[in-house]
Amino acid sequence: MWETILVALALMMVFEGVLPFISPSAMRKAILQILQMSDNTLRLIGAISMFSGLALILMIK
């Protein structure tokens, strides 16, 4: 089980590193846009992301 969690964490790190590696300027623009969003908008995006990920895990299993 711990091996699976570590693999998932490693994959998350790889995916999060792709944009800053390929296009640092796009990453800066994205961060600036995120800073301008309201807390409620960020919460909604986070909730959608979490539930989408959970649904994907449940569909795979």
C-alpha atoms as a PDB file:
ATOM      1  CA  MET A   1       0.000   0.000   0.000  1.00  0.00           C
ATOM      2  CA  TRP A   2       2.770   2.481   0.871  1.00  0.00           C
ATOM      3  CA  GLU A   3       4.424   1.754  -2.447  1.00  0.00           C
ATOM      4  CA  THR A   4       1.231   2.725  -4.290  1.00  0.00           C
ATOM      5  CA  ILE A   5       0.938   5.954  -2.315  1.00  0.00           C
ATOM      6  CA  LEU A   6       4.556   6.851  -3.058  1.00  0.00           C
ATOM      7  CA  VAL A   7       4.082   6.120  -6.770  1.00  0.00           C
ATOM      8  CA  ALA A   8       0.978   8.332  -6.801  1.00  0.00           C
ATOM      9  CA  LEU A   9       2.906  11.123  -5.061  1.00  0.00           C
ATOM     10  CA  ALA A  10       5.783  10.775  -7.525  1.00  0.00           C
ATOM     11  CA  LEU A  11       3.406  10.955 -10.500  1.00  0.00           C
ATOM     12  CA  MET A  12       1.765  14.048  -9.047  1.00  0.00           C
ATOM     13  CA  MET A  13       5.198  15.677  -8.748  1.00  0.00           C
ATOM     14  CA  VAL A  14       6.033  14.781 -12.355  1.00  0.00           C
ATOM     15  CA  PHE A  15       2.752  16.234 -13.673  1.00  0.00           C
ATOM     16  CA  GLU A  16       3.108  19.401 -11.601  1.00  0.00           C
ATOM     17  CA  GLY A  17       6.630  19.904 -12.892  1.00  0.00           C
ATOM     18  CA  VAL A  18       5.753  19.674 -16.586  1.00  0.00           C
ATOM     19  CA  LEU A  19       4.344  23.202 -17.047  1.00  0.00           C
ATOM     20  CA  PRO A  20       7.155  25.103 -15.286  1.00  0.00           C
ATOM     21  CA  PHE A  21       9.711  23.001 -17.177  1.00  0.00           C
ATOM     22  CA  ILE A  22       8.148  23.489 -20.617  1.00  0.00           C
ATOM     23  CA  SER A  23       6.955  27.089 -20.259  1.00  0.00           C
ATOM     24  CA  PRO A  24       7.990  29.041 -17.161  1.00  0.00           C
ATOM     25  CA  SER A  25       6.312  32.203 -18.474  1.00  0.00           C
ATOM     26  CA  ALA A  26       2.957  30.413 -18.798  1.00  0.00           C
ATOM     27  CA  MET A  27       3.385  29.170 -15.231  1.00  0.00           C
ATOM     28  CA  ARG A  28       3.957  32.727 -14.010  1.00  0.00           C
ATOM     29  CA  LYS A  29       0.839  33.926 -15.859  1.00  0.00           C
ATOM     30  CA  ALA A  30      -1.209  31.077 -14.348  1.00  0.00           C
ATOM     31  CA  ILE A  31      -0.001  31.933 -10.844  1.00  0.00           C
ATOM     32  CA  LEU A  32      -0.909  35.590 -11.352  1.00  0.00           C
ATOM     33  CA  GLN A  33      -4.410  34.591 -12.482  1.00  0.00           C
ATOM     34  CA  ILE A  34      -4.794  32.298  -9.463  1.00  0.00           C
ATOM     35  CA  LEU A  35      -3.774  35.122  -7.126  1.00  0.00           C
ATOM     36  CA  GLN A  36      -6.603  37.253  -8.542  1.00  0.00           C
ATOM     37  CA  MET A  37      -9.299  34.613  -7.953  1.00  0.00           C
ATOM     38  CA  SER A  38     -11.583  34.777  -4.946  1.00  0.00           C
ATOM     39  CA  ASP A  39     -11.320  32.219  -2.153  1.00  0.00           C
ATOM     40  CA  ASN A  40     -14.701  30.740  -3.087  1.00  0.00           C
ATOM     41  CA  THR A  41     -13.614  30.220  -6.696  1.00  0.00           C
ATOM     42  CA  LEU A  42     -10.426  28.479  -5.570  1.00  0.00           C
ATOM     43  CA  ARG A  43     -12.425  26.293  -3.181  1.00  0.00           C
ATOM     44  CA  LEU A  44     -14.811  25.334  -5.973  1.00  0.00           C
ATOM     45  CA  ILE A  45     -11.928  24.447  -8.307  1.00  0.00           C
ATOM     46  CA  GLY A  46     -10.297  22.423  -5.529  1.00  0.00           C
ATOM     47  CA  ALA A  47     -13.531  20.562  -4.759  1.00  0.00           C
ATOM     48  CA  ILE A  48     -14.133  19.765  -8.422  1.00  0.00           C
ATOM     49  CA  SER A  49     -10.565  18.507  -8.762  1.00  0.00           C
ATOM     50  CA  MET A  50     -10.794  16.336  -5.638  1.00  0.00           C
ATOM     51  CA  PHE A  51     -14.135  14.789  -6.559  1.00  0.00           C
ATOM     52  CA  SER A  52     -13.073  14.221 -10.164  1.00  0.00           C
ATOM     53  CA  GLY A  53      -9.942  12.447  -8.953  1.00  0.00           C
ATOM     54  CA  LEU A  54     -11.957  10.365  -6.505  1.00  0.00           C
ATOM     55  CA  ALA A  55     -14.447   9.411  -9.216  1.00  0.00           C
ATOM     56  CA  LEU A  56     -11.600   8.418 -11.519  1.00  0.00           C
ATOM     57  CA  ILE A  57     -10.037   6.249  -8.806  1.00  0.00           C
ATOM     58  CA  LEU A  58     -13.388   4.566  -8.124  1.00  0.00           C
ATOM     59  CA  MET A  59     -13.926   3.923 -11.839  1.00  0.00           C
ATOM     60  CA  ILE A  60     -10.471   2.378 -12.176  1.00  0.00           C
ATOM     61  CA  LYS A  61     -10.883   0.154  -9.144  1.00  0.00           C
END
